[in-house]
N, C-alpha and C. Protein backbone atom coordinates (compact mmCIF):
# COMPACT_ATOMS: atom_id res chain seq x y z
N MET A 1 -10.22 -6.94 6.07
CA MET A 1 -9.14 -6.08 6.49
C MET A 1 -9.43 -5.55 7.88
N SER A 2 -8.40 -5.35 8.62
CA SER A 2 -8.56 -4.82 9.97
C SER A 2 -8.63 -3.29 9.93
N MET A 3 -8.99 -2.72 11.05
CA MET A 3 -9.08 -1.26 11.15
C MET A 3 -7.70 -0.63 10.93
N PHE A 4 -6.65 -1.29 11.42
CA PHE A 4 -5.29 -0.79 11.23
C PHE A 4 -4.95 -0.73 9.75
N SER A 5 -5.35 -1.74 8.99
CA SER A 5 -5.08 -1.76 7.55
C SER A 5 -5.80 -0.63 6.84
N TYR A 6 -7.07 -0.42 7.20
CA TYR A 6 -7.82 0.69 6.60
C TYR A 6 -7.16 2.03 6.91
N LEU A 7 -6.82 2.24 8.17
CA LEU A 7 -6.22 3.53 8.56
C LEU A 7 -4.87 3.75 7.90
N LEU A 8 -4.09 2.69 7.79
CA LEU A 8 -2.78 2.81 7.17
C LEU A 8 -2.90 3.13 5.68
N THR A 9 -3.86 2.52 5.02
CA THR A 9 -4.08 2.80 3.61
C THR A 9 -4.59 4.22 3.40
N ILE A 10 -5.50 4.65 4.24
CA ILE A 10 -6.01 6.03 4.15
C ILE A 10 -4.89 7.03 4.42
N LEU A 11 -4.03 6.74 5.40
CA LEU A 11 -2.90 7.61 5.70
C LEU A 11 -1.94 7.69 4.51
N GLY A 12 -1.72 6.58 3.83
CA GLY A 12 -0.87 6.57 2.64
C GLY A 12 -1.47 7.41 1.53
N ILE A 13 -2.78 7.33 1.34
CA ILE A 13 -3.44 8.12 0.30
C ILE A 13 -3.40 9.61 0.64
N VAL A 14 -3.61 9.95 1.91
CA VAL A 14 -3.55 11.36 2.33
C VAL A 14 -2.13 11.90 2.16
N PHE A 15 -1.13 11.10 2.49
CA PHE A 15 0.26 11.53 2.30
C PHE A 15 0.55 11.74 0.82
N TRP A 16 0.02 10.86 -0.03
CA TRP A 16 0.21 11.02 -1.48
C TRP A 16 -0.45 12.31 -1.96
N ILE A 17 -1.65 12.63 -1.47
CA ILE A 17 -2.33 13.87 -1.85
C ILE A 17 -1.51 15.09 -1.38
N PHE A 18 -0.98 15.01 -0.17
CA PHE A 18 -0.17 16.11 0.37
C PHE A 18 1.08 16.33 -0.49
N ARG A 19 1.76 15.23 -0.87
CA ARG A 19 2.95 15.36 -1.71
C ARG A 19 2.59 15.90 -3.10
N THR A 20 1.41 15.56 -3.59
CA THR A 20 0.94 16.08 -4.88
C THR A 20 0.72 17.58 -4.80
N ILE A 21 0.12 18.03 -3.72
CA ILE A 21 -0.11 19.46 -3.53
C ILE A 21 1.21 20.21 -3.42
N ILE A 22 2.15 19.64 -2.69
CA ILE A 22 3.47 20.28 -2.55
C ILE A 22 4.15 20.40 -3.92
N THR A 23 4.07 19.37 -4.73
CA THR A 23 4.71 19.39 -6.05
C THR A 23 4.02 20.39 -6.98
N ILE A 24 2.71 20.45 -6.93
CA ILE A 24 1.98 21.43 -7.76
C ILE A 24 2.35 22.85 -7.35
N MET A 25 2.41 23.10 -6.06
CA MET A 25 2.78 24.44 -5.59
C MET A 25 4.20 24.79 -6.00
N TYR A 26 5.11 23.82 -5.93
CA TYR A 26 6.50 24.08 -6.29
C TYR A 26 6.64 24.37 -7.79
N THR A 27 5.92 23.61 -8.62
CA THR A 27 6.04 23.83 -10.06
C THR A 27 5.37 25.14 -10.50
N ASN A 28 4.39 25.61 -9.72
CA ASN A 28 3.75 26.90 -10.04
C ASN A 28 4.52 28.08 -9.48
N GLY A 29 5.55 27.82 -8.70
CA GLY A 29 6.40 28.89 -8.18
C GLY A 29 5.94 29.47 -6.87
N ALA A 30 5.01 28.85 -6.19
CA ALA A 30 4.53 29.36 -4.90
C ALA A 30 5.56 29.02 -3.82
N ASN A 31 5.72 29.93 -2.89
CA ASN A 31 6.64 29.71 -1.78
C ASN A 31 5.94 28.91 -0.69
N PHE A 32 6.56 27.83 -0.31
CA PHE A 32 6.04 26.97 0.75
C PHE A 32 7.21 26.45 1.53
N MET A 33 7.00 26.18 2.80
CA MET A 33 8.09 25.75 3.66
C MET A 33 8.69 24.42 3.21
N ILE A 34 7.86 23.53 2.71
CA ILE A 34 8.32 22.21 2.29
C ILE A 34 8.39 22.20 0.78
N GLN A 35 9.52 21.73 0.26
CA GLN A 35 9.71 21.64 -1.18
C GLN A 35 10.12 20.21 -1.54
N PRO A 36 9.81 19.79 -2.76
CA PRO A 36 10.22 18.45 -3.18
C PRO A 36 11.74 18.33 -3.23
N LEU A 37 12.25 17.14 -3.01
CA LEU A 37 13.68 16.91 -3.08
C LEU A 37 14.18 17.05 -4.51
N ASN A 38 13.44 16.47 -5.45
CA ASN A 38 13.75 16.53 -6.86
C ASN A 38 12.40 16.58 -7.58
N SER A 39 12.09 17.67 -8.22
CA SER A 39 10.73 17.86 -8.75
C SER A 39 10.41 16.86 -9.85
N ALA A 40 11.33 16.57 -10.74
CA ALA A 40 11.05 15.61 -11.81
C ALA A 40 10.85 14.20 -11.25
N LEU A 41 11.68 13.83 -10.30
CA LEU A 41 11.56 12.52 -9.68
C LEU A 41 10.29 12.43 -8.82
N GLU A 42 9.94 13.55 -8.22
CA GLU A 42 8.71 13.59 -7.41
C GLU A 42 7.47 13.38 -8.29
N ILE A 43 7.44 13.96 -9.47
CA ILE A 43 6.32 13.77 -10.38
C ILE A 43 6.24 12.31 -10.82
N ALA A 44 7.38 11.71 -11.11
CA ALA A 44 7.40 10.29 -11.47
C ALA A 44 6.93 9.43 -10.30
N LEU A 45 7.32 9.80 -9.10
CA LEU A 45 6.90 9.07 -7.90
C LEU A 45 5.40 9.18 -7.68
N ILE A 46 4.84 10.33 -7.96
CA ILE A 46 3.39 10.53 -7.80
C ILE A 46 2.63 9.61 -8.75
N PHE A 47 3.08 9.53 -10.00
CA PHE A 47 2.38 8.68 -10.96
C PHE A 47 2.65 7.20 -10.71
N ALA A 48 3.81 6.85 -10.18
CA ALA A 48 4.11 5.44 -9.87
C ALA A 48 3.33 4.96 -8.65
N THR A 49 2.92 5.88 -7.80
CA THR A 49 2.20 5.51 -6.60
C THR A 49 0.76 5.09 -6.89
N ILE A 50 0.18 5.58 -7.97
CA ILE A 50 -1.23 5.28 -8.28
C ILE A 50 -1.46 3.77 -8.47
N PRO A 51 -0.71 3.07 -9.34
CA PRO A 51 -0.96 1.63 -9.44
C PRO A 51 -0.57 0.88 -8.18
N CYS A 52 0.44 1.39 -7.47
CA CYS A 52 0.83 0.74 -6.22
C CYS A 52 -0.30 0.81 -5.19
N MET A 53 -0.96 1.95 -5.11
CA MET A 53 -2.07 2.09 -4.16
C MET A 53 -3.24 1.19 -4.55
N LEU A 54 -3.49 1.05 -5.84
CA LEU A 54 -4.56 0.14 -6.26
C LEU A 54 -4.24 -1.30 -5.87
N LEU A 55 -2.98 -1.69 -6.02
CA LEU A 55 -2.59 -3.04 -5.63
C LEU A 55 -2.59 -3.21 -4.11
N VAL A 56 -2.26 -2.16 -3.39
CA VAL A 56 -2.31 -2.23 -1.93
C VAL A 56 -3.76 -2.38 -1.47
N LEU A 57 -4.68 -1.69 -2.12
CA LEU A 57 -6.10 -1.83 -1.78
C LEU A 57 -6.60 -3.24 -2.05
N LYS A 58 -6.03 -3.91 -3.04
CA LYS A 58 -6.39 -5.30 -3.32
C LYS A 58 -5.60 -6.28 -2.47
N ARG A 59 -4.73 -5.77 -1.60
CA ARG A 59 -3.92 -6.56 -0.68
C ARG A 59 -2.91 -7.43 -1.42
N ASN A 60 -2.31 -6.88 -2.47
CA ASN A 60 -1.33 -7.58 -3.28
C ASN A 60 0.06 -7.30 -2.72
N ILE A 61 0.82 -8.36 -2.46
CA ILE A 61 2.14 -8.21 -1.85
C ILE A 61 3.14 -7.57 -2.81
N ILE A 62 3.00 -7.80 -4.10
CA ILE A 62 3.93 -7.22 -5.07
C ILE A 62 3.75 -5.71 -5.14
N GLY A 63 2.51 -5.25 -5.11
CA GLY A 63 2.26 -3.80 -5.11
C GLY A 63 2.79 -3.13 -3.86
N ALA A 64 2.64 -3.81 -2.72
CA ALA A 64 3.16 -3.24 -1.46
C ALA A 64 4.68 -3.21 -1.47
N ALA A 65 5.30 -4.23 -2.04
CA ALA A 65 6.77 -4.26 -2.10
C ALA A 65 7.30 -3.16 -3.01
N PHE A 66 6.66 -2.97 -4.15
CA PHE A 66 7.08 -1.90 -5.07
C PHE A 66 6.84 -0.53 -4.45
N TYR A 67 5.71 -0.38 -3.77
CA TYR A 67 5.39 0.87 -3.07
C TYR A 67 6.45 1.19 -2.02
N MET A 68 6.83 0.18 -1.26
CA MET A 68 7.85 0.37 -0.24
C MET A 68 9.21 0.69 -0.88
N ALA A 69 9.56 -0.01 -1.94
CA ALA A 69 10.87 0.19 -2.56
C ALA A 69 11.04 1.60 -3.11
N ILE A 70 10.02 2.11 -3.81
CA ILE A 70 10.19 3.44 -4.41
C ILE A 70 10.17 4.53 -3.34
N TYR A 71 9.38 4.37 -2.31
CA TYR A 71 9.34 5.41 -1.28
C TYR A 71 10.58 5.39 -0.40
N VAL A 72 11.06 4.20 -0.06
CA VAL A 72 12.26 4.12 0.77
C VAL A 72 13.47 4.63 -0.01
N SER A 73 13.55 4.32 -1.29
CA SER A 73 14.69 4.81 -2.07
C SER A 73 14.64 6.33 -2.26
N TYR A 74 13.44 6.89 -2.40
CA TYR A 74 13.32 8.34 -2.60
C TYR A 74 13.51 9.10 -1.30
N PHE A 75 12.78 8.74 -0.27
CA PHE A 75 12.85 9.49 0.99
C PHE A 75 14.03 9.07 1.85
N GLY A 76 14.60 7.91 1.59
CA GLY A 76 15.78 7.47 2.35
C GLY A 76 16.98 8.36 2.13
N THR A 77 17.11 8.88 0.91
CA THR A 77 18.23 9.79 0.64
C THR A 77 18.10 11.09 1.43
N ALA A 78 16.87 11.57 1.59
CA ALA A 78 16.66 12.80 2.38
C ALA A 78 17.00 12.56 3.85
N ILE A 79 16.63 11.40 4.36
CA ILE A 79 16.96 11.07 5.76
C ILE A 79 18.47 10.97 5.92
N TYR A 80 19.13 10.31 4.96
CA TYR A 80 20.58 10.15 5.02
C TYR A 80 21.29 11.51 4.96
N ASN A 81 20.85 12.39 4.08
CA ASN A 81 21.46 13.72 3.97
C ASN A 81 21.23 14.54 5.22
N SER A 82 20.06 14.43 5.83
CA SER A 82 19.78 15.18 7.06
C SER A 82 20.62 14.68 8.21
N ILE A 83 20.81 13.37 8.30
CA ILE A 83 21.65 12.81 9.37
C ILE A 83 23.10 13.23 9.18
N ASN A 84 23.56 13.26 7.94
CA ASN A 84 24.93 13.73 7.68
C ASN A 84 25.07 15.20 8.04
N SER A 85 24.05 16.01 7.79
CA SER A 85 24.10 17.43 8.13
C SER A 85 24.14 17.62 9.64
N ILE A 86 23.39 16.80 10.36
CA ILE A 86 23.42 16.89 11.83
C ILE A 86 24.76 16.44 12.37
N SER A 87 25.31 15.38 11.80
CA SER A 87 26.58 14.85 12.31
C SER A 87 27.76 15.78 12.01
N ASP A 88 27.64 16.62 11.01
CA ASP A 88 28.69 17.60 10.70
C ASP A 88 28.60 18.84 11.57
N ASN A 89 27.70 18.81 12.55
CA ASN A 89 27.48 19.92 13.49
C ASN A 89 26.98 21.18 12.79
N ASN A 90 26.35 21.02 11.66
CA ASN A 90 25.75 22.16 10.99
C ASN A 90 24.38 22.48 11.56
N GLY A 91 23.75 21.49 12.17
CA GLY A 91 22.42 21.68 12.70
C GLY A 91 21.38 21.63 11.59
N LEU A 92 20.14 21.75 11.98
CA LEU A 92 19.05 21.74 11.02
C LEU A 92 18.22 23.00 11.15
N ALA A 93 17.87 23.58 10.03
CA ALA A 93 16.95 24.71 10.04
C ALA A 93 15.53 24.18 10.21
N VAL A 94 14.58 25.07 10.40
CA VAL A 94 13.20 24.66 10.60
C VAL A 94 12.67 23.95 9.35
N ALA A 95 12.99 24.47 8.18
CA ALA A 95 12.53 23.84 6.93
C ALA A 95 13.16 22.47 6.76
N ASP A 96 14.44 22.35 7.12
CA ASP A 96 15.11 21.05 7.01
C ASP A 96 14.52 20.03 7.98
N SER A 97 14.16 20.47 9.16
CA SER A 97 13.58 19.52 10.12
C SER A 97 12.18 19.09 9.68
N ALA A 98 11.43 20.00 9.04
CA ALA A 98 10.10 19.63 8.51
C ALA A 98 10.26 18.63 7.38
N GLU A 99 11.24 18.83 6.52
CA GLU A 99 11.47 17.88 5.44
C GLU A 99 11.95 16.54 5.98
N LEU A 100 12.73 16.56 7.06
CA LEU A 100 13.18 15.32 7.69
C LEU A 100 12.00 14.55 8.27
N MET A 101 11.09 15.25 8.92
CA MET A 101 9.92 14.58 9.49
C MET A 101 9.03 13.99 8.39
N LEU A 102 8.85 14.71 7.30
CA LEU A 102 8.06 14.19 6.19
C LEU A 102 8.76 13.01 5.52
N ALA A 103 10.07 13.05 5.45
CA ALA A 103 10.81 11.93 4.88
C ALA A 103 10.68 10.69 5.77
N ILE A 104 10.69 10.88 7.08
CA ILE A 104 10.52 9.76 8.00
C ILE A 104 9.11 9.17 7.85
N VAL A 105 8.11 10.05 7.75
CA VAL A 105 6.74 9.58 7.53
C VAL A 105 6.65 8.87 6.18
N GLY A 106 7.34 9.39 5.17
CA GLY A 106 7.33 8.78 3.85
C GLY A 106 7.99 7.42 3.80
N VAL A 107 8.84 7.11 4.76
CA VAL A 107 9.45 5.79 4.84
C VAL A 107 8.62 4.86 5.72
N VAL A 108 8.10 5.39 6.82
CA VAL A 108 7.39 4.55 7.79
C VAL A 108 6.07 4.02 7.22
N ILE A 109 5.31 4.84 6.52
CA ILE A 109 4.00 4.41 6.01
C ILE A 109 4.13 3.23 5.05
N PRO A 110 5.00 3.27 4.03
CA PRO A 110 5.11 2.10 3.14
C PRO A 110 5.67 0.86 3.82
N VAL A 111 6.60 1.04 4.76
CA VAL A 111 7.15 -0.12 5.46
C VAL A 111 6.06 -0.79 6.30
N LEU A 112 5.26 0.00 7.01
CA LEU A 112 4.17 -0.57 7.79
C LEU A 112 3.11 -1.21 6.89
N THR A 113 2.85 -0.60 5.75
CA THR A 113 1.89 -1.19 4.80
C THR A 113 2.39 -2.54 4.29
N PHE A 114 3.67 -2.62 3.96
CA PHE A 114 4.24 -3.88 3.48
C PHE A 114 4.18 -4.94 4.57
N ILE A 115 4.53 -4.58 5.79
CA ILE A 115 4.49 -5.54 6.90
C ILE A 115 3.06 -5.98 7.17
N ASP A 116 2.12 -5.05 7.09
CA ASP A 116 0.72 -5.38 7.33
C ASP A 116 0.20 -6.38 6.29
N ILE A 117 0.51 -6.15 5.03
CA ILE A 117 0.05 -7.07 3.98
C ILE A 117 0.80 -8.39 4.08
N LEU A 118 2.07 -8.34 4.45
CA LEU A 118 2.87 -9.56 4.57
C LEU A 118 2.33 -10.46 5.69
N LEU A 119 1.92 -9.86 6.79
CA LEU A 119 1.44 -10.64 7.93
C LEU A 119 -0.05 -10.92 7.89
N ASN A 120 -0.76 -10.42 6.89
CA ASN A 120 -2.19 -10.65 6.79
C ASN A 120 -2.45 -12.09 6.38
N LYS A 121 -3.10 -12.85 7.25
CA LYS A 121 -3.35 -14.26 6.98
C LYS A 121 -4.45 -14.47 5.95
N ASN A 122 -5.37 -13.54 5.84
CA ASN A 122 -6.51 -13.70 4.96
C ASN A 122 -6.33 -12.96 3.64
N ARG A 123 -5.09 -12.78 3.19
CA ARG A 123 -4.82 -11.99 2.00
C ARG A 123 -5.50 -12.60 0.77
N LYS A 124 -5.44 -13.90 0.59
CA LYS A 124 -6.03 -14.53 -0.59
C LYS A 124 -7.52 -14.75 -0.43
N ALA A 125 -8.00 -14.93 0.78
CA ALA A 125 -9.41 -15.21 1.01
C ALA A 125 -10.27 -13.97 0.83
N ILE A 126 -9.70 -12.79 0.95
CA ILE A 126 -10.47 -11.57 0.86
C ILE A 126 -10.95 -11.34 -0.58
N ILE A 127 -10.16 -11.71 -1.54
CA ILE A 127 -10.42 -11.35 -2.92
C ILE A 127 -11.73 -11.97 -3.43
N GLY A 128 -11.95 -13.27 -3.24
CA GLY A 128 -13.13 -13.88 -3.82
C GLY A 128 -14.06 -14.53 -2.82
N GLY A 129 -13.89 -14.25 -1.57
CA GLY A 129 -14.67 -14.93 -0.56
C GLY A 129 -16.04 -14.33 -0.35
N ASN A 130 -17.05 -15.20 -0.19
CA ASN A 130 -18.38 -14.77 0.14
C ASN A 130 -18.94 -15.78 1.14
N ASN A 131 -19.10 -15.36 2.37
CA ASN A 131 -19.49 -16.29 3.42
C ASN A 131 -20.88 -16.85 3.22
N LYS A 132 -21.73 -16.18 2.48
CA LYS A 132 -23.10 -16.66 2.30
C LYS A 132 -23.17 -17.84 1.32
N THR A 133 -22.23 -17.94 0.40
CA THR A 133 -22.29 -19.00 -0.59
C THR A 133 -21.17 -20.02 -0.47
N ASP A 134 -20.19 -19.78 0.38
CA ASP A 134 -19.07 -20.72 0.51
C ASP A 134 -19.52 -22.09 1.00
N TRP A 135 -20.54 -22.16 1.85
CA TRP A 135 -20.99 -23.45 2.38
C TRP A 135 -21.50 -24.34 1.26
N TYR A 136 -22.01 -23.75 0.21
CA TYR A 136 -22.55 -24.55 -0.90
C TYR A 136 -21.48 -24.86 -1.94
N TYR A 137 -20.73 -23.84 -2.36
CA TYR A 137 -19.80 -24.04 -3.46
C TYR A 137 -18.49 -24.68 -3.03
N LYS A 138 -18.13 -24.57 -1.79
CA LYS A 138 -16.87 -25.16 -1.33
C LYS A 138 -17.09 -26.42 -0.51
N ASN A 139 -18.26 -27.01 -0.60
CA ASN A 139 -18.57 -28.20 0.17
C ASN A 139 -18.46 -29.42 -0.74
N ASP A 140 -17.33 -30.10 -0.68
CA ASP A 140 -17.11 -31.27 -1.53
C ASP A 140 -17.93 -32.47 -1.07
N GLN A 141 -18.21 -32.56 0.21
CA GLN A 141 -18.97 -33.71 0.71
C GLN A 141 -20.39 -33.70 0.13
N TYR A 142 -21.00 -32.55 0.00
CA TYR A 142 -22.34 -32.47 -0.59
C TYR A 142 -22.32 -32.95 -2.04
N ASP A 143 -21.28 -32.57 -2.79
CA ASP A 143 -21.17 -33.00 -4.18
C ASP A 143 -21.03 -34.52 -4.27
N ARG A 144 -20.23 -35.11 -3.38
CA ARG A 144 -20.05 -36.55 -3.40
C ARG A 144 -21.35 -37.27 -3.05
N GLN A 145 -22.07 -36.79 -2.05
CA GLN A 145 -23.32 -37.42 -1.67
C GLN A 145 -24.35 -37.31 -2.80
N TYR A 146 -24.39 -36.21 -3.47
CA TYR A 146 -25.32 -36.02 -4.58
C TYR A 146 -24.98 -36.98 -5.72
N ASP A 147 -23.70 -37.16 -6.00
CA ASP A 147 -23.30 -38.07 -7.07
C ASP A 147 -23.66 -39.51 -6.73
N GLU A 148 -23.51 -39.93 -5.48
CA GLU A 148 -23.85 -41.29 -5.08
C GLU A 148 -25.36 -41.52 -5.21
N ARG A 149 -26.18 -40.56 -4.85
CA ARG A 149 -27.63 -40.71 -4.99
C ARG A 149 -28.02 -40.79 -6.45
N ALA A 150 -27.39 -40.01 -7.29
CA ALA A 150 -27.72 -40.02 -8.70
C ALA A 150 -27.38 -41.35 -9.35
N ASP A 151 -26.30 -41.98 -8.88
CA ASP A 151 -25.91 -43.27 -9.43
C ASP A 151 -26.89 -44.37 -9.04
N LYS A 152 -27.48 -44.34 -7.87
CA LYS A 152 -28.38 -45.37 -7.39
C LYS A 152 -29.77 -45.27 -8.01
N ASN A 153 -30.18 -44.13 -8.46
CA ASN A 153 -31.53 -43.93 -8.96
C ASN A 153 -31.58 -44.00 -10.48
N GLN A 154 -31.08 -45.06 -11.04
CA GLN A 154 -31.16 -45.23 -12.48
C GLN A 154 -32.34 -46.17 -12.79
N TYR A 155 -33.35 -45.65 -13.39
CA TYR A 155 -34.54 -46.43 -13.72
C TYR A 155 -34.44 -46.96 -15.14
N LYS A 156 -34.91 -48.18 -15.31
CA LYS A 156 -34.90 -48.77 -16.63
C LYS A 156 -36.22 -48.45 -17.33
N ILE A 157 -36.10 -48.10 -18.56
CA ILE A 157 -37.30 -47.80 -19.36
C ILE A 157 -37.53 -49.00 -20.28
N ARG A 158 -38.75 -49.58 -20.25
CA ARG A 158 -39.04 -50.73 -21.12
C ARG A 158 -39.82 -50.36 -22.30
């Protein structure tokens, strides 16, 4: 994995921890500037993100696609509502602009993660590759040469 992939994955995990803290504070009744869009859906999103992150760490394209789909569908509605509020000339309050920025981050991180895994050329080679032993186990020519030598050295026992 490249440094960009590591940083993007770490950023996704940190964002997930931040959203978890926000949801816990909201359910406990603490006042905070940022609140979940829908608390029940946010809790489901938090638990759905755990297997997605595990699959993203394994560089699985299906996990990244699911991760992107649930985050874009959840945070996309907040972006859409904020844009409609701006276009109606209502303006945005400070709390609304903070939620808009977090919604944009919530969409950008999964999309970049999906694109990163999609464009990763070594996605399948990372899982089981070991450079120290590949020369021996993936070398078909050595196996063929060994088989030819074994066939020629058949001694007759009298």
